[in-house]
Amino acid sequence: MIIYESNTEFSPHENEVSCRIEFENRIVGLPNRLWFRFPSDQRGHISDRSDGFLIASLLLAMRAGESVHVKGIVSPRLLKGIGEY
């Protein structure tokens, strides 16, 4: 699985952070984009890291038997914890 860099879009009512996800073996019915939406007043809490996408995708990658490759920025502490997990 490849988790690509995130993209953030801002609007007056909400903010959306999304990224493209690519599997080695396509899973039918699974979208190739993961996103999180936040109210517009939470704009200051949005990070450019891919931590949330990695956490959200980890069990799916394990179920699919695929390694995870992240093209974005990930917290070193999170990477260490996932390695131990």
PDB file of N, CA and C in Angstrom:
ATOM      1  N   MET A   1       0.841  -1.160   0.000  1.00  0.00           N
ATOM      2  CA  MET A   1       0.000   0.000   0.000  1.00  0.00           C
ATOM      3  C   MET A   1       0.893   1.232   0.000  1.00  0.00           C
ATOM      4  N   ILE A   2       0.518   2.196  -0.804  1.00  0.00           N
ATOM      5  CA  ILE A   2       1.219   3.479  -0.821  1.00  0.00           C
ATOM      6  C   ILE A   2       0.243   4.556  -0.370  1.00  0.00           C
ATOM      7  N   ILE A   3       0.653   5.321   0.614  1.00  0.00           N
ATOM      8  CA  ILE A   3      -0.123   6.461   1.082  1.00  0.00           C
ATOM      9  C   ILE A   3       0.604   7.702   0.567  1.00  0.00           C
ATOM     10  N   TYR A   4      -0.032   8.419  -0.336  1.00  0.00           N
ATOM     11  CA  TYR A   4       0.601   9.587  -0.945  1.00  0.00           C
ATOM     12  C   TYR A   4       0.451  10.828  -0.058  1.00  0.00           C
ATOM     13  N   GLU A   5       1.188  11.874  -0.395  1.00  0.00           N
ATOM     14  CA  GLU A   5       1.139  13.121   0.379  1.00  0.00           C
ATOM     15  C   GLU A   5      -0.285  13.649   0.438  1.00  0.00           C
ATOM     16  N   SER A   6      -0.591  14.306   1.538  1.00  0.00           N
ATOM     17  CA  SER A   6      -1.945  14.810   1.733  1.00  0.00           C
ATOM     18  C   SER A   6      -2.148  16.145   1.027  1.00  0.00           C
ATOM     19  N   ASN A   7      -3.408  16.438   0.800  1.00  0.00           N
ATOM     20  CA  ASN A   7      -3.830  17.679   0.166  1.00  0.00           C
ATOM     21  C   ASN A   7      -4.897  18.295   1.058  1.00  0.00           C
ATOM     22  N   THR A   8      -4.813  19.589   1.313  1.00  0.00           N
ATOM     23  CA  THR A   8      -5.790  20.257   2.170  1.00  0.00           C
ATOM     24  C   THR A   8      -6.565  21.286   1.361  1.00  0.00           C
ATOM     25  N   GLU A   9      -7.879  21.248   1.503  1.00  0.00           N
ATOM     26  CA  GLU A   9      -8.750  22.223   0.852  1.00  0.00           C
ATOM     27  C   GLU A   9      -9.564  22.931   1.919  1.00  0.00           C
ATOM     28  N   PHE A  10      -9.587  24.246   1.839  1.00  0.00           N
ATOM     29  CA  PHE A  10     -10.304  25.063   2.805  1.00  0.00           C
ATOM     30  C   PHE A  10     -11.534  25.682   2.133  1.00  0.00           C
ATOM     31  N   SER A  11     -12.634  25.726   2.870  1.00  0.00           N
ATOM     32  CA  SER A  11     -13.839  26.402   2.398  1.00  0.00           C
ATOM     33  C   SER A  11     -14.433  27.154   3.586  1.00  0.00           C
ATOM     34  N   PRO A  12     -15.408  28.000   3.365  1.00  0.00           N
ATOM     35  CA  PRO A  12     -15.980  28.773   4.473  1.00  0.00           C
ATOM     36  C   PRO A  12     -16.606  27.920   5.583  1.00  0.00           C
ATOM     37  N   HIS A  13     -17.081  26.711   5.243  1.00  0.00           N
ATOM     38  CA  HIS A  13     -17.792  25.896   6.223  1.00  0.00           C
ATOM     39  C   HIS A  13     -17.009  24.705   6.756  1.00  0.00           C
ATOM     40  N   GLU A  14     -16.087  24.178   5.941  1.00  0.00           N
ATOM     41  CA  GLU A  14     -15.320  23.016   6.392  1.00  0.00           C
ATOM     42  C   GLU A  14     -13.969  22.954   5.696  1.00  0.00           C
ATOM     43  N   ASN A  15     -13.090  22.179   6.291  1.00  0.00           N
ATOM     44  CA  ASN A  15     -11.766  21.928   5.730  1.00  0.00           C
ATOM     45  C   ASN A  15     -11.675  20.439   5.463  1.00  0.00           C
ATOM     46  N   GLU A  16     -11.055  20.082   4.352  1.00  0.00           N
ATOM     47  CA  GLU A  16     -10.896  18.672   4.017  1.00  0.00           C
ATOM     48  C   GLU A  16      -9.421  18.371   3.770  1.00  0.00           C
ATOM     49  N   VAL A  17      -8.932  17.338   4.453  1.00  0.00           N
ATOM     50  CA  VAL A  17      -7.578  16.844   4.246  1.00  0.00           C
ATOM     51  C   VAL A  17      -7.737  15.461   3.635  1.00  0.00           C
ATOM     52  N   SER A  18      -7.099  15.237   2.490  1.00  0.00           N
ATOM     53  CA  SER A  18      -7.267  13.957   1.809  1.00  0.00           C
ATOM     54  C   SER A  18      -5.937  13.478   1.241  1.00  0.00           C
ATOM     55  N   CYS A  19      -5.900  12.199   0.900  1.00  0.00           N
ATOM     56  CA  CYS A  19      -4.735  11.642   0.223  1.00  0.00           C
ATOM     57  C   CYS A  19      -5.184  10.472  -0.636  1.00  0.00           C
ATOM     58  N   ARG A  20      -4.362  10.166  -1.597  1.00  0.00           N
ATOM     59  CA  ARG A  20      -4.608   9.024  -2.468  1.00  0.00           C
ATOM     60  C   ARG A  20      -3.940   7.808  -1.847  1.00  0.00           C
ATOM     61  N   ILE A  21      -4.613   6.665  -1.929  1.00  0.00           N
ATOM     62  CA  ILE A  21      -4.077   5.409  -1.417  1.00  0.00           C
ATOM     63  C   ILE A  21      -4.089   4.394  -2.554  1.00  0.00           C
ATOM     64  N   GLU A  22      -2.972   3.712  -2.714  1.00  0.00           N
ATOM     65  CA  GLU A  22      -2.835   2.744  -3.795  1.00  0.00           C
ATOM     66  C   GLU A  22      -2.433   1.391  -3.210  1.00  0.00           C
ATOM     67  N   PHE A  23      -3.154   0.357  -3.593  1.00  0.00           N
ATOM     68  CA  PHE A  23      -2.861  -1.003  -3.142  1.00  0.00           C
ATOM     69  C   PHE A  23      -2.098  -1.757  -4.218  1.00  0.00           C
ATOM     70  N   GLU A  24      -1.259  -2.683  -3.800  1.00  0.00           N
ATOM     71  CA  GLU A  24      -0.577  -3.552  -4.761  1.00  0.00           C
ATOM     72  C   GLU A  24      -1.610  -4.400  -5.486  1.00  0.00           C
ATOM     73  N   ASN A  25      -2.554  -4.950  -4.738  1.00  0.00           N
ATOM     74  CA  ASN A  25      -3.644  -5.749  -5.292  1.00  0.00           C
ATOM     75  C   ASN A  25      -4.941  -5.000  -5.055  1.00  0.00           C
ATOM     76  N   ARG A  26      -5.554  -4.554  -6.124  1.00  0.00           N
ATOM     77  CA  ARG A  26      -6.778  -3.753  -6.013  1.00  0.00           C
ATOM     78  C   ARG A  26      -7.848  -4.492  -5.226  1.00  0.00           C
ATOM     79  N   ILE A  27      -8.491  -3.782  -4.325  1.00  0.00           N
ATOM     80  CA  ILE A  27      -9.589  -4.339  -3.532  1.00  0.00           C
ATOM     81  C   ILE A  27     -10.888  -3.755  -4.092  1.00  0.00           C
ATOM     82  N   VAL A  28     -11.733  -4.612  -4.633  1.00  0.00           N
ATOM     83  CA  VAL A  28     -12.973  -4.181  -5.273  1.00  0.00           C
ATOM     84  C   VAL A  28     -13.857  -3.448  -4.263  1.00  0.00           C
ATOM     85  N   GLY A  29     -14.383  -2.317  -4.679  1.00  0.00           N
ATOM     86  CA  GLY A  29     -15.287  -1.550  -3.843  1.00  0.00           C
ATOM     87  C   GLY A  29     -14.610  -0.592  -2.883  1.00  0.00           C
ATOM     88  N   LEU A  30     -13.295  -0.637  -2.805  1.00  0.00           N
ATOM     89  CA  LEU A  30     -12.567   0.238  -1.889  1.00  0.00           C
ATOM     90  C   LEU A  30     -12.121   1.488  -2.635  1.00  0.00           C
ATOM     91  N   PRO A  31     -12.494   2.666  -2.147  1.00  0.00           N
ATOM     92  CA  PRO A  31     -12.082   3.893  -2.840  1.00  0.00           C
ATOM     93  C   PRO A  31     -10.567   4.091  -2.759  1.00  0.00           C
ATOM     94  N   ASN A  32     -10.026   4.853  -3.687  1.00  0.00           N
ATOM     95  CA  ASN A  32      -8.585   5.095  -3.703  1.00  0.00           C
ATOM     96  C   ASN A  32      -8.212   6.424  -3.046  1.00  0.00           C
ATOM     97  N   ARG A  33      -9.145   6.994  -2.312  1.00  0.00           N
ATOM     98  CA  ARG A  33      -8.913   8.275  -1.643  1.00  0.00           C
ATOM     99  C   ARG A  33      -9.484   8.211  -0.233  1.00  0.00           C
ATOM    100  N   LEU A  34      -8.693   8.678   0.722  1.00  0.00           N
ATOM    101  CA  LEU A  34      -9.131   8.741   2.117  1.00  0.00           C
ATOM    102  C   LEU A  34      -9.177  10.208   2.507  1.00  0.00           C
ATOM    103  N   TRP A  35     -10.195  10.609   3.240  1.00  0.00           N
ATOM    104  CA  TRP A  35     -10.296  12.011   3.618  1.00  0.00           C
ATOM    105  C   TRP A  35     -10.839  12.171   5.035  1.00  0.00           C
ATOM    106  N   PHE A  36     -10.498  13.302   5.612  1.00  0.00           N
ATOM    107  CA  PHE A  36     -11.020  13.736   6.903  1.00  0.00           C
ATOM    108  C   PHE A  36     -11.573  15.142   6.708  1.00  0.00           C
ATOM    109  N   ARG A  37     -12.731  15.423   7.304  1.00  0.00           N
ATOM    110  CA  ARG A  37     -13.315  16.768   7.224  1.00  0.00           C
ATOM    111  C   ARG A  37     -13.448  17.353   8.623  1.00  0.00           C
ATOM    112  N   PHE A  38     -13.194  18.646   8.706  1.00  0.00           N
ATOM    113  CA  PHE A  38     -13.237  19.371   9.969  1.00  0.00           C
ATOM    114  C   PHE A  38     -14.019  20.665   9.784  1.00  0.00           C
ATOM    115  N   PRO A  39     -14.667  21.148  10.848  1.00  0.00           N
ATOM    116  CA  PRO A  39     -15.308  22.460  10.760  1.00  0.00           C
ATOM    117  C   PRO A  39     -14.262  23.530  10.455  1.00  0.00           C
ATOM    118  N   SER A  40     -14.684  24.579   9.778  1.00  0.00           N
ATOM    119  CA  SER A  40     -13.739  25.616   9.360  1.00  0.00           C
ATOM    120  C   SER A  40     -13.032  26.285  10.532  1.00  0.00           C
ATOM    121  N   ASP A  41     -13.656  26.310  11.708  1.00  0.00           N
ATOM    122  CA  ASP A  41     -13.010  26.962  12.851  1.00  0.00           C
ATOM    123  C   ASP A  41     -11.882  26.114  13.455  1.00  0.00           C
ATOM    124  N   GLN A  42     -11.678  24.909  12.949  1.00  0.00           N
ATOM    125  CA  GLN A  42     -10.596  24.036  13.421  1.00  0.00           C
ATOM    126  C   GLN A  42      -9.369  24.082  12.503  1.00  0.00           C
ATOM    127  N   ARG A  43      -9.322  25.031  11.623  1.00  0.00           N
ATOM    128  CA  ARG A  43      -8.246  25.147  10.634  1.00  0.00           C
ATOM    129  C   ARG A  43      -6.857  25.147  11.266  1.00  0.00           C
ATOM    130  N   GLY A  44      -6.702  25.773  12.404  1.00  0.00           N
ATOM    131  CA  GLY A  44      -5.408  25.864  13.074  1.00  0.00           C
ATOM    132  C   GLY A  44      -4.893  24.538  13.612  1.00  0.00           C
ATOM    133  N   HIS A  45      -5.736  23.522  13.671  1.00  0.00           N
ATOM    134  CA  HIS A  45      -5.343  22.221  14.201  1.00  0.00           C
ATOM    135  C   HIS A  45      -4.954  21.216  13.117  1.00  0.00           C
ATOM    136  N   ILE A  46      -5.033  21.627  11.867  1.00  0.00           N
ATOM    137  CA  ILE A  46      -4.716  20.728  10.760  1.00  0.00           C
ATOM    138  C   ILE A  46      -3.208  20.670  10.560  1.00  0.00           C
ATOM    139  N   SER A  47      -2.692  19.471  10.432  1.00  0.00           N
ATOM    140  CA  SER A  47      -1.261  19.237  10.265  1.00  0.00           C
ATOM    141  C   SER A  47      -0.966  18.774   8.837  1.00  0.00           C
ATOM    142  N   ASP A  48       0.265  18.970   8.408  1.00  0.00           N
ATOM    143  CA  ASP A  48       0.665  18.475   7.091  1.00  0.00           C
ATOM    144  C   ASP A  48       1.201  17.047   7.157  1.00  0.00           C
ATOM    145  N   ARG A  49       1.193  16.449   8.332  1.00  0.00           N
ATOM    146  CA  ARG A  49       1.679  15.076   8.499  1.00  0.00           C
ATOM    147  C   ARG A  49       0.663  14.067   7.994  1.00  0.00           C
ATOM    148  N   SER A  50       1.164  12.890   7.674  1.00  0.00           N
ATOM    149  CA  SER A  50       0.315  11.796   7.189  1.00  0.00           C
ATOM    150  C   SER A  50      -0.040  10.810   8.296  1.00  0.00           C
ATOM    151  N   ASP A  51       0.159  11.193   9.543  1.00  0.00           N
ATOM    152  CA  ASP A  51      -0.074  10.304  10.686  1.00  0.00           C
ATOM    153  C   ASP A  51      -1.484   9.714  10.695  1.00  0.00           C
ATOM    154  N   GLY A  52      -2.487  10.547  10.546  1.00  0.00           N
ATOM    155  CA  GLY A  52      -3.875  10.073  10.593  1.00  0.00           C
ATOM    156  C   GLY A  52      -4.187   9.080   9.490  1.00  0.00           C
ATOM    157  N   PHE A  53      -3.641   9.309   8.310  1.00  0.00           N
ATOM    158  CA  PHE A  53      -3.870   8.392   7.188  1.00  0.00           C
ATOM    159  C   PHE A  53      -3.178   7.051   7.422  1.00  0.00           C
ATOM    160  N   LEU A  54      -1.991   7.095   8.003  1.00  0.00           N
ATOM    161  CA  LEU A  54      -1.276   5.858   8.318  1.00  0.00           C
ATOM    162  C   LEU A  54      -2.038   5.049   9.358  1.00  0.00           C
ATOM    163  N   ILE A  55      -2.484   5.696  10.405  1.00  0.00           N
ATOM    164  CA  ILE A  55      -3.222   5.008  11.461  1.00  0.00           C
ATOM    165  C   ILE A  55      -4.531   4.425  10.915  1.00  0.00           C
ATOM    166  N   ALA A  56      -5.246   5.211  10.111  1.00  0.00           N
ATOM    167  CA  ALA A  56      -6.530   4.755   9.569  1.00  0.00           C
ATOM    168  C   ALA A  56      -6.372   3.594   8.592  1.00  0.00           C
ATOM    169  N   SER A  57      -5.226   3.486   7.947  1.00  0.00           N
ATOM    170  CA  SER A  57      -5.016   2.477   6.910  1.00  0.00           C
ATOM    171  C   SER A  57      -4.264   1.237   7.375  1.00  0.00           C
ATOM    172  N   LEU A  58      -3.685   1.286   8.544  1.00  0.00           N
ATOM    173  CA  LEU A  58      -2.803   0.220   9.001  1.00  0.00           C
ATOM    174  C   LEU A  58      -3.478  -1.152   9.048  1.00  0.00           C
ATOM    175  N   LEU A  59      -4.629  -1.249   9.676  1.00  0.00           N
ATOM    176  CA  LEU A  59      -5.300  -2.552   9.784  1.00  0.00           C
ATOM    177  C   LEU A  59      -5.743  -3.071   8.421  1.00  0.00           C
ATOM    178  N   LEU A  60      -6.155  -2.174   7.549  1.00  0.00           N
ATOM    179  CA  LEU A  60      -6.539  -2.577   6.207  1.00  0.00           C
ATOM    180  C   LEU A  60      -5.339  -3.152   5.445  1.00  0.00           C
ATOM    181  N   ALA A  61      -4.192  -2.509   5.574  1.00  0.00           N
ATOM    182  CA  ALA A  61      -2.976  -3.017   4.921  1.00  0.00           C
ATOM    183  C   ALA A  61      -2.583  -4.372   5.499  1.00  0.00           C
ATOM    184  N   MET A  62      -2.708  -4.520   6.816  1.00  0.00           N
ATOM    185  CA  MET A  62      -2.381  -5.795   7.445  1.00  0.00           C
ATOM    186  C   MET A  62      -3.323  -6.887   6.935  1.00  0.00           C
ATOM    187  N   ARG A  63      -4.600  -6.562   6.823  1.00  0.00           N
ATOM    188  CA  ARG A  63      -5.595  -7.530   6.341  1.00  0.00           C
ATOM    189  C   ARG A  63      -5.306  -7.930   4.900  1.00  0.00           C
ATOM    190  N   ALA A  64      -4.841  -6.966   4.104  1.00  0.00           N
ATOM    191  CA  ALA A  64      -4.530  -7.233   2.700  1.00  0.00           C
ATOM    192  C   ALA A  64      -3.161  -7.889   2.538  1.00  0.00           C
ATOM    193  N   GLY A  65      -2.382  -7.957   3.630  1.00  0.00           N
ATOM    194  CA  GLY A  65      -1.061  -8.560   3.568  1.00  0.00           C
ATOM    195  C   GLY A  65      -0.038  -7.718   2.827  1.00  0.00           C
ATOM    196  N   GLU A  66      -0.215  -6.406   2.879  1.00  0.00           N
ATOM    197  CA  GLU A  66       0.665  -5.512   2.148  1.00  0.00           C
ATOM    198  C   GLU A  66       1.534  -4.681   3.083  1.00  0.00           C
ATOM    199  N   SER A  67       2.710  -4.353   2.624  1.00  0.00           N
ATOM    200  CA  SER A  67       3.580  -3.412   3.331  1.00  0.00           C
ATOM    201  C   SER A  67       3.019  -2.016   3.118  1.00  0.00           C
ATOM    202  N   VAL A  68       3.347  -1.105   4.024  1.00  0.00           N
ATOM    203  CA  VAL A  68       2.870   0.271   3.911  1.00  0.00           C
ATOM    204  C   VAL A  68       4.045   1.182   3.607  1.00  0.00           C
ATOM    205  N   HIS A  69       3.874   2.012   2.586  1.00  0.00           N
ATOM    206  CA  HIS A  69       4.876   3.006   2.213  1.00  0.00           C
ATOM    207  C   HIS A  69       4.181   4.364   2.246  1.00  0.00           C
ATOM    208  N   VAL A  70       4.736   5.305   2.992  1.00  0.00           N
ATOM    209  CA  VAL A  70       4.138   6.627   3.120  1.00  0.00           C
ATOM    210  C   VAL A  70       5.008   7.630   2.390  1.00  0.00           C
ATOM    211  N   LYS A  71       4.414   8.355   1.457  1.00  0.00           N
ATOM    212  CA  LYS A  71       5.138   9.374   0.692  1.00  0.00           C
ATOM    213  C   LYS A  71       5.154  10.724   1.409  1.00  0.00           C
ATOM    214  N   GLY A  72       4.361  10.864   2.459  1.00  0.00           N
ATOM    215  CA  GLY A  72       4.289  12.112   3.205  1.00  0.00           C
ATOM    216  C   GLY A  72       5.148  12.080   4.458  1.00  0.00           C
ATOM    217  N   ILE A  73       4.939  13.054   5.307  1.00  0.00           N
ATOM    218  CA  ILE A  73       5.680  13.201   6.566  1.00  0.00           C
ATOM    219  C   ILE A  73       4.963  12.416   7.660  1.00  0.00           C
ATOM    220  N   VAL A  74       5.715  11.620   8.419  1.00  0.00           N
ATOM    221  CA  VAL A  74       5.152  10.860   9.531  1.00  0.00           C
ATOM    222  C   VAL A  74       6.003  11.111  10.769  1.00  0.00           C
ATOM    223  N   SER A  75       5.362  11.219  11.904  1.00  0.00           N
ATOM    224  CA  SER A  75       6.042  11.425  13.179  1.00  0.00           C
ATOM    225  C   SER A  75       7.010  10.280  13.463  1.00  0.00           C
ATOM    226  N   PRO A  76       8.258  10.579  13.813  1.00  0.00           N
ATOM    227  CA  PRO A  76       9.204   9.514  14.150  1.00  0.00           C
ATOM    228  C   PRO A  76       8.714   8.647  15.308  1.00  0.00           C
ATOM    229  N   ARG A  77       8.030   9.254  16.241  1.00  0.00           N
ATOM    230  CA  ARG A  77       7.500   8.506  17.386  1.00  0.00           C
ATOM    231  C   ARG A  77       6.430   7.502  16.939  1.00  0.00           C
ATOM    232  N   LEU A  78       5.583   7.934  16.005  1.00  0.00           N
ATOM    233  CA  LEU A  78       4.558   7.030  15.470  1.00  0.00           C
ATOM    234  C   LEU A  78       5.199   5.889  14.707  1.00  0.00           C
ATOM    235  N   LEU A  79       6.203   6.184  13.895  1.00  0.00           N
ATOM    236  CA  LEU A  79       6.883   5.126  13.138  1.00  0.00           C
ATOM    237  C   LEU A  79       7.517   4.095  14.054  1.00  0.00           C
ATOM    238  N   LYS A  80       8.110   4.552  15.138  1.00  0.00           N
ATOM    239  CA  LYS A  80       8.712   3.635  16.098  1.00  0.00           C
ATOM    240  C   LYS A  80       7.627   2.749  16.732  1.00  0.00           C
ATOM    241  N   GLY A  81       6.529   3.366  17.116  1.00  0.00           N
ATOM    242  CA  GLY A  81       5.438   2.615  17.745  1.00  0.00           C
ATOM    243  C   GLY A  81       4.814   1.599  16.806  1.00  0.00           C
ATOM    244  N   ILE A  82       4.655   1.962  15.550  1.00  0.00           N
ATOM    245  CA  ILE A  82       4.085   1.027  14.574  1.00  0.00           C
ATOM    246  C   ILE A  82       5.044  -0.124  14.345  1.00  0.00           C
ATOM    247  N   GLY A  83       6.333   0.176  14.313  1.00  0.00           N
ATOM    248  CA  GLY A  83       7.332  -0.894  14.165  1.00  0.00           C
ATOM    249  C   GLY A  83       7.273  -1.889  15.296  1.00  0.00           C
ATOM    250  N   GLU A  84       7.044  -1.397  16.499  1.00  0.00           N
ATOM    251  CA  GLU A  84       6.928  -2.288  17.646  1.00  0.00           C
ATOM    252  C   GLU A  84       5.607  -3.053  17.632  1.00  0.00           C
ATOM    253  N   TYR A  85       4.563  -2.406  17.099  1.00  0.00           N
ATOM    254  CA  TYR A  85       3.242  -3.032  17.024  1.00  0.00           C
ATOM    255  C   TYR A  85       3.277  -4.206  16.079  1.00  0.00           C
TER     256      TYR A  85
END
